[in-house]
N, C-alpha and C. Protein backbone atom coordinates (compact mmCIF):
# COMPACT_ATOMS: atom_id res chain seq x y z
N UNK A 1 -6.52 -12.42 23.64
CA UNK A 1 -7.18 -11.74 23.01
C UNK A 1 -7.79 -11.86 21.21
N UNK A 2 -7.04 -12.58 20.67
CA UNK A 2 -7.55 -13.16 19.46
C UNK A 2 -9.05 -13.97 19.91
N UNK A 3 -8.92 -14.58 20.99
CA UNK A 3 -10.22 -15.54 21.04
C UNK A 3 -11.59 -14.41 21.41
N UNK A 4 -10.96 -13.16 21.84
CA UNK A 4 -12.06 -12.12 22.32
C UNK A 4 -12.82 -11.69 20.78
N UNK A 5 -11.68 -11.46 19.77
CA UNK A 5 -12.26 -10.80 18.78
C UNK A 5 -13.16 -11.99 17.89
N UNK A 6 -12.41 -13.02 17.98
CA UNK A 6 -13.19 -14.09 17.22
C UNK A 6 -14.56 -14.27 17.76
N UNK A 7 -15.05 -14.22 19.23
CA UNK A 7 -16.00 -14.25 19.68
C UNK A 7 -16.65 -13.02 19.45
N UNK A 8 -16.25 -11.90 19.26
CA UNK A 8 -16.93 -10.48 18.67
C UNK A 8 -17.47 -10.98 17.06
N UNK A 9 -16.70 -11.51 16.70
CA UNK A 9 -17.19 -11.61 15.01
C UNK A 9 -18.17 -12.78 15.04
N UNK A 10 -18.24 -13.78 15.77
CA UNK A 10 -19.28 -14.73 15.58
C UNK A 10 -20.59 -14.13 16.33
N UNK A 11 -20.55 -13.41 17.42
CA UNK A 11 -21.74 -12.60 17.79
C UNK A 11 -22.23 -11.95 16.82
N UNK A 12 -21.35 -11.10 15.90
CA UNK A 12 -22.04 -10.25 15.00
C UNK A 12 -22.82 -11.08 13.88
N UNK A 13 -21.92 -12.41 13.70
CA UNK A 13 -22.66 -13.13 12.73
C UNK A 13 -24.03 -13.78 12.91
N UNK A 14 -24.07 -14.29 14.33
CA UNK A 14 -25.52 -14.72 14.95
C UNK A 14 -26.50 -13.46 14.89
N UNK A 15 -26.07 -12.23 14.92
CA UNK A 15 -27.53 -11.25 15.05
C UNK A 15 -27.67 -11.18 13.78
N UNK A 16 -26.95 -11.27 12.64
CA UNK A 16 -27.52 -11.18 11.44
C UNK A 16 -28.16 -12.51 10.88
N UNK A 17 -29.36 -12.11 10.33
CA UNK A 17 -29.83 -13.34 9.32
C UNK A 17 -29.22 -13.59 8.20
N UNK A 18 -29.15 -15.22 8.16
CA UNK A 18 -28.32 -15.57 6.86
C UNK A 18 -29.10 -15.35 5.72
N UNK A 19 -28.21 -14.79 4.69
CA UNK A 19 -29.08 -14.29 3.60
C UNK A 19 -28.50 -15.31 2.59
N UNK A 20 -29.19 -15.59 1.41
CA UNK A 20 -28.71 -16.06 0.28
C UNK A 20 -27.79 -15.27 -0.19
N UNK A 21 -26.86 -15.68 -1.28
CA UNK A 21 -25.96 -15.30 -2.09
C UNK A 21 -26.39 -14.17 -2.73
N UNK A 22 -27.43 -14.50 -3.62
CA UNK A 22 -28.31 -13.60 -4.18
C UNK A 22 -28.88 -12.28 -3.29
N UNK A 23 -29.51 -12.97 -2.14
CA UNK A 23 -30.11 -11.49 -1.41
C UNK A 23 -28.92 -10.76 -0.65
N UNK A 24 -27.55 -11.26 -0.60
CA UNK A 24 -26.50 -10.60 -0.14
C UNK A 24 -25.82 -9.38 -1.22
N UNK A 25 -26.03 -10.37 -2.41
CA UNK A 25 -25.40 -9.48 -3.56
C UNK A 25 -26.20 -8.29 -3.77
N UNK A 26 -27.69 -8.38 -3.40
CA UNK A 26 -28.51 -7.15 -3.71
C UNK A 26 -28.53 -5.90 -2.63
N UNK A 27 -28.47 -6.57 -1.31
CA UNK A 27 -28.13 -5.94 -0.26
C UNK A 27 -27.05 -5.15 -0.26
N UNK A 28 -25.79 -5.85 -0.92
CA UNK A 28 -24.37 -5.20 -1.01
C UNK A 28 -24.42 -3.94 -2.34
N UNK A 29 -25.24 -4.26 -3.19
CA UNK A 29 -25.45 -3.65 -4.38
C UNK A 29 -25.94 -2.17 -3.80
N UNK A 30 -27.01 -2.32 -2.74
CA UNK A 30 -27.48 -1.03 -2.38
C UNK A 30 -26.70 -0.23 -1.40
N UNK A 31 -25.84 -0.99 -0.60
CA UNK A 31 -24.72 -0.38 0.18
C UNK A 31 -23.98 0.40 -0.75
N UNK A 32 -23.47 -0.49 -1.79
CA UNK A 32 -22.32 0.30 -2.66
C UNK A 32 -23.15 1.33 -3.28
N UNK A 33 -24.38 1.44 -3.58
CA UNK A 33 -24.70 2.59 -4.36
C UNK A 33 -24.72 3.61 -3.33
N UNK A 34 -24.93 3.57 -2.19
CA UNK A 34 -24.88 4.66 -1.20
C UNK A 34 -23.83 5.13 -0.92
N UNK A 35 -22.71 4.00 -0.82
CA UNK A 35 -21.14 4.51 -0.86
C UNK A 35 -20.74 5.40 -2.00
N UNK A 36 -21.47 5.15 -3.39
CA UNK A 36 -21.03 5.93 -4.20
C UNK A 36 -21.60 7.53 -4.27
N UNK A 37 -22.70 7.44 -3.89
CA UNK A 37 -23.14 8.68 -3.84
C UNK A 37 -22.43 9.46 -2.42
N UNK A 38 -22.01 8.85 -1.48
CA UNK A 38 -21.30 9.91 -0.44
C UNK A 38 -20.05 10.07 -0.96
N UNK A 39 -19.37 8.94 -1.89
CA UNK A 39 -18.03 9.43 -2.43
C UNK A 39 -18.21 10.53 -3.68
N UNK A 40 -19.24 10.67 -4.47
CA UNK A 40 -19.52 12.03 -5.07
C UNK A 40 -19.73 13.11 -4.46
N UNK A 41 -20.20 13.20 -3.30
CA UNK A 41 -20.59 14.22 -2.58
C UNK A 41 -19.46 14.50 -1.61
N UNK A 42 -18.26 14.01 -1.89
CA UNK A 42 -16.94 14.06 -1.00
C UNK A 42 -16.90 13.82 0.35
N UNK A 43 -17.75 12.63 0.70
CA UNK A 43 -17.91 12.06 2.07
C UNK A 43 -17.03 11.11 2.08
N UNK A 44 -15.62 11.12 1.95
CA UNK A 44 -14.93 9.80 1.60
C UNK A 44 -15.17 8.73 2.91
N UNK A 45 -15.10 9.37 4.19
CA UNK A 45 -15.29 8.40 5.45
C UNK A 45 -16.90 7.62 5.28
N UNK A 46 -17.56 8.37 4.96
CA UNK A 46 -18.77 7.99 4.87
C UNK A 46 -19.17 6.65 3.82
N UNK A 47 -18.28 7.29 2.54
CA UNK A 47 -18.49 6.22 1.52
C UNK A 47 -17.64 5.00 2.12
N UNK A 48 -16.43 4.89 2.72
CA UNK A 48 -15.70 3.85 3.19
C UNK A 48 -16.59 3.17 4.11
N UNK A 49 -17.29 3.37 4.91
CA UNK A 49 -18.06 3.03 5.85
C UNK A 49 -19.03 1.95 5.13
N UNK A 50 -19.55 2.60 4.16
CA UNK A 50 -20.55 1.70 3.25
C UNK A 50 -19.89 0.64 2.67
N UNK A 51 -18.63 1.09 1.82
CA UNK A 51 -18.28 -0.06 1.36
C UNK A 51 -17.90 -1.18 2.33
N UNK A 52 -17.67 -0.89 3.23
CA UNK A 52 -17.26 -1.72 4.28
C UNK A 52 -18.12 -2.59 4.87
N UNK A 53 -19.55 -1.97 4.82
CA UNK A 53 -20.67 -2.65 5.29
C UNK A 53 -21.16 -3.69 4.03
N UNK A 54 -20.82 -3.08 2.82
CA UNK A 54 -21.03 -4.12 1.56
C UNK A 54 -20.24 -5.20 1.40
N UNK A 55 -18.77 -5.13 2.01
CA UNK A 55 -17.82 -6.32 2.10
C UNK A 55 -18.46 -7.44 3.15
N UNK A 56 -18.86 -6.77 4.34
CA UNK A 56 -19.23 -7.81 5.35
C UNK A 56 -20.28 -8.75 5.11
N UNK A 57 -21.38 -7.88 4.47
CA UNK A 57 -22.56 -8.64 3.78
C UNK A 57 -22.12 -9.75 2.60
N UNK A 58 -21.32 -9.47 1.52
CA UNK A 58 -20.60 -10.50 0.79
C UNK A 58 -19.78 -11.34 1.38
N UNK A 59 -18.99 -11.19 2.19
CA UNK A 59 -18.19 -11.97 3.14
C UNK A 59 -19.03 -13.09 3.61
N UNK A 60 -19.89 -12.58 4.53
CA UNK A 60 -20.99 -13.33 5.25
C UNK A 60 -21.58 -14.64 4.20
N UNK A 61 -22.00 -14.04 3.27
CA UNK A 61 -22.86 -14.87 2.41
C UNK A 61 -21.70 -15.80 1.48
N UNK A 62 -20.71 -15.41 1.33
CA UNK A 62 -19.69 -16.18 -0.03
C UNK A 62 -18.45 -16.36 0.57
N UNK A 63 -17.93 -15.81 1.79
CA UNK A 63 -16.73 -15.91 2.28
C UNK A 63 -15.34 -15.35 1.82
N UNK A 64 -15.96 -14.76 0.70
CA UNK A 64 -14.84 -13.80 0.07
C UNK A 64 -15.16 -12.35 -0.38
N UNK A 65 -14.44 -11.61 -0.38
CA UNK A 65 -14.83 -9.85 -0.73
C UNK A 65 -15.17 -9.97 -2.21
N UNK A 66 -15.17 -8.52 -2.57
CA UNK A 66 -15.62 -8.05 -3.77
C UNK A 66 -14.38 -7.20 -4.26
N UNK A 67 -13.78 -7.52 -5.65
CA UNK A 67 -12.61 -6.64 -6.02
C UNK A 67 -13.27 -4.94 -6.41
N UNK A 68 -14.50 -4.90 -6.97
CA UNK A 68 -15.21 -3.82 -6.97
C UNK A 68 -15.01 -2.88 -5.63
N UNK A 69 -15.74 -3.55 -4.58
CA UNK A 69 -15.90 -2.74 -3.51
C UNK A 69 -14.49 -2.50 -2.82
N UNK A 70 -13.37 -3.40 -3.04
CA UNK A 70 -12.14 -3.18 -2.37
C UNK A 70 -11.35 -1.90 -3.15
N UNK A 71 -11.78 -1.79 -4.60
CA UNK A 71 -10.99 -0.80 -5.20
C UNK A 71 -11.86 0.60 -5.11
N UNK A 72 -13.30 0.44 -4.93
CA UNK A 72 -13.94 1.71 -4.32
C UNK A 72 -13.44 2.20 -2.89
N UNK A 73 -13.20 0.89 -2.22
CA UNK A 73 -13.06 1.44 -0.64
C UNK A 73 -11.54 2.28 -0.82
N UNK A 74 -10.80 1.69 -1.85
CA UNK A 74 -9.73 2.45 -1.67
C UNK A 74 -9.56 3.86 -2.39
N UNK A 75 -10.46 3.96 -3.22
CA UNK A 75 -10.42 5.30 -3.83
C UNK A 75 -11.00 6.20 -2.67
N UNK A 76 -12.21 6.09 -1.91
CA UNK A 76 -12.49 6.34 -0.62
C UNK A 76 -11.36 6.78 0.20
N UNK A 77 -10.64 5.82 0.74
CA UNK A 77 -9.55 6.23 1.58
C UNK A 77 -8.70 7.02 1.01
N UNK A 78 -8.43 6.86 -0.20
CA UNK A 78 -7.71 7.80 -1.20
C UNK A 78 -8.00 9.43 -0.91
N UNK A 79 -9.40 9.60 -1.13
CA UNK A 79 -9.91 10.83 -0.66
C UNK A 79 -9.54 11.62 0.71
N UNK A 80 -9.56 10.66 1.48
CA UNK A 80 -9.46 11.21 2.89
C UNK A 80 -7.57 11.15 3.24
N UNK A 81 -6.83 10.58 2.28
CA UNK A 81 -5.47 10.72 2.20
C UNK A 81 -5.23 9.65 3.26
N UNK A 82 -5.64 8.52 3.54
CA UNK A 82 -5.46 7.34 4.18
C UNK A 82 -4.87 6.14 3.48
N UNK A 83 -3.45 6.42 3.19
CA UNK A 83 -2.68 5.85 2.22
C UNK A 83 -2.55 4.33 2.72
N UNK A 84 -2.22 4.10 3.76
CA UNK A 84 -2.14 2.49 4.05
C UNK A 84 -3.25 1.60 3.77
N UNK A 85 -4.47 2.19 4.24
CA UNK A 85 -5.35 1.23 4.00
C UNK A 85 -6.00 1.37 2.41
N UNK A 86 -5.75 2.32 1.77
CA UNK A 86 -6.09 2.49 0.21
C UNK A 86 -5.20 1.66 -0.26
N UNK A 87 -3.84 1.49 0.08
CA UNK A 87 -2.82 0.72 -0.47
C UNK A 87 -3.24 -0.85 -0.45
N UNK A 88 -3.62 -1.23 0.69
CA UNK A 88 -3.87 -2.81 1.19
C UNK A 88 -5.02 -2.89 0.37
N UNK A 89 -6.25 -2.10 0.32
CA UNK A 89 -7.43 -2.54 -0.38
C UNK A 89 -7.16 -2.59 -2.03
N UNK A 90 -6.13 -1.79 -2.45
CA UNK A 90 -5.72 -2.19 -3.78
C UNK A 90 -5.13 -3.43 -4.02
N UNK A 91 -4.35 -3.82 -3.02
CA UNK A 91 -3.77 -5.09 -3.34
C UNK A 91 -4.84 -6.18 -3.27
N UNK A 92 -5.74 -6.09 -2.21
CA UNK A 92 -6.90 -7.00 -2.12
C UNK A 92 -7.58 -7.21 -3.56
N UNK A 93 -7.96 -5.92 -3.81
CA UNK A 93 -8.94 -6.15 -5.17
C UNK A 93 -7.82 -6.81 -6.37
N UNK A 94 -6.70 -6.32 -6.53
CA UNK A 94 -5.71 -6.97 -7.56
C UNK A 94 -5.69 -8.36 -7.31
N UNK A 95 -5.50 -8.82 -6.17
CA UNK A 95 -5.45 -10.28 -5.98
C UNK A 95 -6.69 -10.90 -6.29
N UNK A 96 -8.09 -10.30 -6.38
CA UNK A 96 -9.02 -11.06 -6.74
C UNK A 96 -9.38 -11.19 -8.09
N UNK A 97 -8.97 -9.79 -8.63
CA UNK A 97 -9.06 -9.91 -10.23
C UNK A 97 -7.69 -9.03 -10.58
N UNK A 98 -6.59 -9.75 -10.98
CA UNK A 98 -5.63 -9.27 -11.74
C UNK A 98 -5.68 -8.45 -13.17
N UNK A 99 -6.62 -8.19 -13.75
CA UNK A 99 -7.20 -7.48 -14.63
C UNK A 99 -7.73 -6.08 -14.41
N UNK A 100 -8.07 -6.02 -13.09
CA UNK A 100 -8.38 -4.61 -12.39
C UNK A 100 -7.53 -3.52 -12.33
N UNK A 101 -7.39 -2.63 -13.48
CA UNK A 101 -6.42 -1.81 -13.56
C UNK A 101 -6.57 -0.70 -12.49
N UNK A 102 -7.75 -0.52 -11.80
CA UNK A 102 -7.81 0.53 -10.80
C UNK A 102 -7.09 0.02 -9.87
N UNK A 103 -7.12 -0.94 -9.28
CA UNK A 103 -6.96 -1.84 -8.55
C UNK A 103 -5.13 -1.51 -8.06
N UNK A 104 -4.30 -1.58 -9.28
CA UNK A 104 -3.04 -1.65 -9.50
C UNK A 104 -3.08 0.16 -9.28
N UNK A 105 -3.76 0.87 -9.94
CA UNK A 105 -3.38 2.20 -10.02
C UNK A 105 -3.63 2.87 -8.69
N UNK A 106 -4.32 2.39 -8.05
CA UNK A 106 -4.54 2.97 -6.61
C UNK A 106 -3.70 2.27 -5.47
N UNK A 107 -3.01 1.09 -6.02
CA UNK A 107 -2.04 1.04 -5.00
C UNK A 107 -0.88 1.63 -5.31
N UNK A 108 -0.45 2.17 -6.73
CA UNK A 108 0.76 2.70 -6.64
C UNK A 108 0.55 4.22 -6.38
N UNK A 109 -0.37 4.77 -6.79
CA UNK A 109 -0.50 6.08 -6.28
C UNK A 109 -0.50 6.28 -4.51
N UNK A 110 -1.14 5.26 -3.99
CA UNK A 110 -0.84 5.29 -2.68
C UNK A 110 0.18 5.13 -2.00
N UNK A 111 1.20 4.15 -2.51
CA UNK A 111 2.43 3.65 -2.29
C UNK A 111 3.25 5.22 -2.34
N UNK A 112 3.08 5.95 -3.61
CA UNK A 112 3.92 7.19 -3.78
C UNK A 112 3.52 8.38 -2.77
N UNK A 113 2.61 8.29 -2.04
CA UNK A 113 1.84 9.32 -1.49
C UNK A 113 2.54 9.18 -0.10
N UNK A 114 2.90 7.71 0.44
CA UNK A 114 3.53 7.49 1.81
C UNK A 114 4.93 8.04 1.81
N UNK A 115 5.24 8.16 3.34
CA UNK A 115 6.83 8.32 3.32
C UNK A 115 7.54 7.45 2.38
N UNK A 116 8.54 8.46 1.75
CA UNK A 116 9.08 7.82 0.61
C UNK A 116 10.28 6.82 1.24
N UNK A 117 10.07 5.60 0.83
CA UNK A 117 11.08 4.54 1.18
C UNK A 117 11.22 3.69 -0.20
N UNK A 118 12.74 3.20 -0.42
CA UNK A 118 12.67 2.52 -1.61
C UNK A 118 11.90 1.46 -1.81
N UNK A 119 11.67 0.60 -0.77
CA UNK A 119 10.81 -0.68 -1.20
C UNK A 119 9.19 0.05 -1.46
N UNK A 120 8.74 0.90 -0.86
CA UNK A 120 7.52 1.38 -1.25
C UNK A 120 7.70 1.93 -2.93
N UNK A 121 8.63 2.48 -3.13
CA UNK A 121 8.94 3.22 -4.60
C UNK A 121 8.73 1.98 -5.48
N UNK A 122 9.77 0.90 -5.09
CA UNK A 122 9.81 -0.20 -5.95
C UNK A 122 8.56 -1.28 -6.31
N UNK A 123 7.74 -0.92 -5.12
CA UNK A 123 6.47 -1.78 -5.16
C UNK A 123 5.62 -0.80 -5.79
N UNK A 124 5.58 0.44 -5.97
CA UNK A 124 4.93 1.35 -6.78
C UNK A 124 4.92 0.99 -8.29
N UNK A 125 6.24 1.20 -8.42
CA UNK A 125 6.54 0.95 -10.07
C UNK A 125 6.00 -0.44 -10.31
N UNK A 126 5.99 -1.55 -9.72
CA UNK A 126 5.42 -2.72 -10.12
C UNK A 126 4.23 -2.77 -10.15
N UNK A 127 3.37 -1.66 -9.30
CA UNK A 127 2.15 -1.70 -9.48
C UNK A 127 1.56 -0.91 -11.03
N UNK A 128 2.33 0.04 -11.08
CA UNK A 128 2.23 0.85 -12.31
C UNK A 128 2.34 0.09 -13.70
N UNK A 129 3.38 -0.93 -13.54
CA UNK A 129 3.58 -1.85 -14.76
C UNK A 129 2.51 -2.70 -14.83
N UNK A 130 2.13 -3.14 -13.66
CA UNK A 130 1.06 -4.09 -13.91
C UNK A 130 -0.26 -3.55 -14.58
N UNK A 131 -0.49 -2.29 -14.00
CA UNK A 131 -1.71 -1.49 -14.31
C UNK A 131 -1.56 -1.30 -15.90
N UNK A 132 -0.24 -1.03 -16.15
CA UNK A 132 -0.17 -0.68 -18.00
C UNK A 132 -0.26 -2.06 -18.84
N UNK A 133 -0.33 -3.17 -18.02
CA UNK A 133 -0.70 -4.45 -18.79
C UNK A 133 -2.06 -5.11 -18.79
N UNK A 134 -2.75 -4.18 -18.11
CA UNK A 134 -4.38 -4.51 -17.67
C UNK A 134 -5.14 -4.13 -19.41
N UNK A 135 -5.66 -5.05 -20.08
CA UNK A 135 -6.21 -4.44 -21.14
C UNK A 135 -7.46 -3.75 -20.82
N UNK A 136 -8.01 -3.87 -19.49
CA UNK A 136 -9.11 -2.90 -19.34
C UNK A 136 -8.83 -1.31 -19.27
N UNK A 137 -7.44 -1.15 -18.98
CA UNK A 137 -6.65 0.23 -18.99
C UNK A 137 -7.25 0.91 -20.04
N UNK A 138 -8.33 2.06 -20.06
CA UNK A 138 -8.79 2.74 -20.96
C UNK A 138 -7.43 3.59 -21.33
N UNK A 139 -7.52 3.98 -22.89
CA UNK A 139 -6.42 4.52 -23.41
C UNK A 139 -6.27 5.90 -22.76
N UNK A 140 -7.58 6.68 -22.57
CA UNK A 140 -7.23 8.10 -22.13
C UNK A 140 -6.52 7.91 -20.88
N UNK A 141 -6.31 7.10 -20.02
CA UNK A 141 -5.83 7.08 -18.78
C UNK A 141 -4.24 6.28 -18.75
N UNK A 142 -3.63 5.87 -19.84
CA UNK A 142 -2.72 5.15 -20.13
C UNK A 142 -1.34 6.30 -19.78
N UNK A 143 -1.66 7.41 -20.53
CA UNK A 143 -0.62 8.40 -20.42
C UNK A 143 -0.12 9.08 -19.13
N UNK A 144 -1.33 8.85 -18.41
CA UNK A 144 -1.05 9.32 -16.85
C UNK A 144 -0.64 8.09 -16.17
N UNK A 145 -0.82 7.08 -16.25
CA UNK A 145 -0.07 5.73 -15.93
C UNK A 145 1.38 5.97 -16.19
N UNK A 146 1.61 6.08 -17.29
CA UNK A 146 3.00 6.27 -17.94
C UNK A 146 4.11 7.25 -17.13
N UNK A 147 3.05 8.39 -16.86
CA UNK A 147 3.63 9.54 -16.36
C UNK A 147 4.19 8.89 -14.94
N UNK A 148 3.37 8.43 -14.22
CA UNK A 148 3.55 8.33 -12.67
C UNK A 148 4.29 7.56 -12.63
N UNK A 149 4.70 6.27 -13.47
CA UNK A 149 5.59 5.40 -13.38
C UNK A 149 7.04 5.66 -13.73
N UNK A 150 7.17 6.75 -14.45
CA UNK A 150 8.57 7.41 -14.90
C UNK A 150 8.90 8.24 -13.70
N UNK A 151 8.02 8.61 -13.03
CA UNK A 151 8.24 9.74 -11.71
C UNK A 151 8.33 8.55 -10.47
N UNK A 152 7.94 7.37 -10.66
CA UNK A 152 8.57 6.28 -9.28
C UNK A 152 9.80 6.00 -9.92
N UNK A 153 10.27 5.61 -11.27
CA UNK A 153 11.34 4.97 -11.99
C UNK A 153 12.61 6.25 -11.48
N UNK A 154 12.01 7.32 -11.41
CA UNK A 154 13.08 8.58 -11.26
C UNK A 154 13.24 8.47 -9.78
N UNK A 155 12.43 8.44 -9.08
CA UNK A 155 12.62 8.91 -7.45
C UNK A 155 13.12 7.57 -6.74
N UNK A 156 13.31 6.38 -7.58
CA UNK A 156 13.92 5.17 -7.08
C UNK A 156 15.48 5.34 -7.64
N UNK A 157 15.66 5.93 -8.90
CA UNK A 157 16.95 6.03 -9.19
C UNK A 157 17.62 6.61 -8.18
N UNK A 158 17.12 8.07 -7.80
CA UNK A 158 17.64 8.86 -6.72
C UNK A 158 17.59 8.44 -5.44
N UNK A 159 16.80 7.32 -5.10
CA UNK A 159 17.07 6.94 -3.82
C UNK A 159 18.24 5.91 -3.87
N UNK A 160 18.36 5.09 -4.99
CA UNK A 160 19.69 4.20 -5.20
C UNK A 160 20.58 4.84 -4.98
N UNK A 161 20.92 6.18 -5.80
CA UNK A 161 22.16 6.84 -5.62
C UNK A 161 22.63 7.36 -4.18
N UNK A 162 21.48 7.88 -3.61
CA UNK A 162 21.57 8.72 -2.16
C UNK A 162 21.94 7.51 -1.00
N UNK A 163 21.67 6.18 -1.32
CA UNK A 163 21.86 5.20 -0.46
C UNK A 163 23.42 5.01 -0.11
N UNK A 164 24.18 5.54 0.94
CA UNK A 164 25.41 5.09 0.98
C UNK A 164 25.84 3.61 1.11
N UNK A 165 27.10 3.39 0.61
CA UNK A 165 27.43 1.83 0.92
C UNK A 165 27.80 1.77 2.40
N UNK A 166 27.56 0.97 3.09
CA UNK A 166 27.87 0.31 4.77
C UNK A 166 29.33 0.67 4.58
N UNK A 167 29.65 1.27 5.75
CA UNK A 167 31.28 1.39 6.07
C UNK A 167 31.97 0.12 5.80
N UNK A 168 31.64 -0.93 6.78
CA UNK A 168 32.41 -2.11 6.44
C UNK A 168 32.32 -3.30 5.57
N UNK A 169 31.56 -2.55 4.28
CA UNK A 169 31.08 -3.55 3.16
C UNK A 169 32.13 -3.21 2.12
N UNK A 170 33.00 -4.35 1.73
CA UNK A 170 33.72 -4.39 0.55
C UNK A 170 33.57 -5.57 -0.25
N UNK A 171 33.55 -5.06 -1.65
CA UNK A 171 33.47 -5.92 -2.90
C UNK A 171 34.63 -6.53 -3.02
N UNK A 172 34.68 -8.00 -3.14
CA UNK A 172 35.71 -8.77 -3.41
C UNK A 172 35.67 -9.13 -4.93
């Protein structure tokens, strides 16, 4: 199965002419602009597809993704309430640029929108805390991040209190 996917990927690469990095970035910028226009028009699925196309172009030329494209695609997925891929793209964006507050914000919000689980809430708290440490976080957004962090912390506290001690577990 893995071999089949690899062959399809190689075939797709061979169909596309190789671009220089500059040409790839120019083409990706055009696709990103199209994605941005679709996002503004609330066509979140179309925007996500354009950001994906732009990421493919960049990856083919450089071997790496792009923090802004991942963050933008996360926002598009959030618009469609696709929390898991939005969270994943937030993580990828933050890995590429740890100073990208939007990456942490989108990760935290997505985690809080998923089915509540303690590990997700804990990860959301960590994402919001990292968001608050980003120098690029605008002052106008800081209070909103703090509010969401407090909500996540309160939820985590409730989750901890509601978790029963296992029956056969004793402290020594």
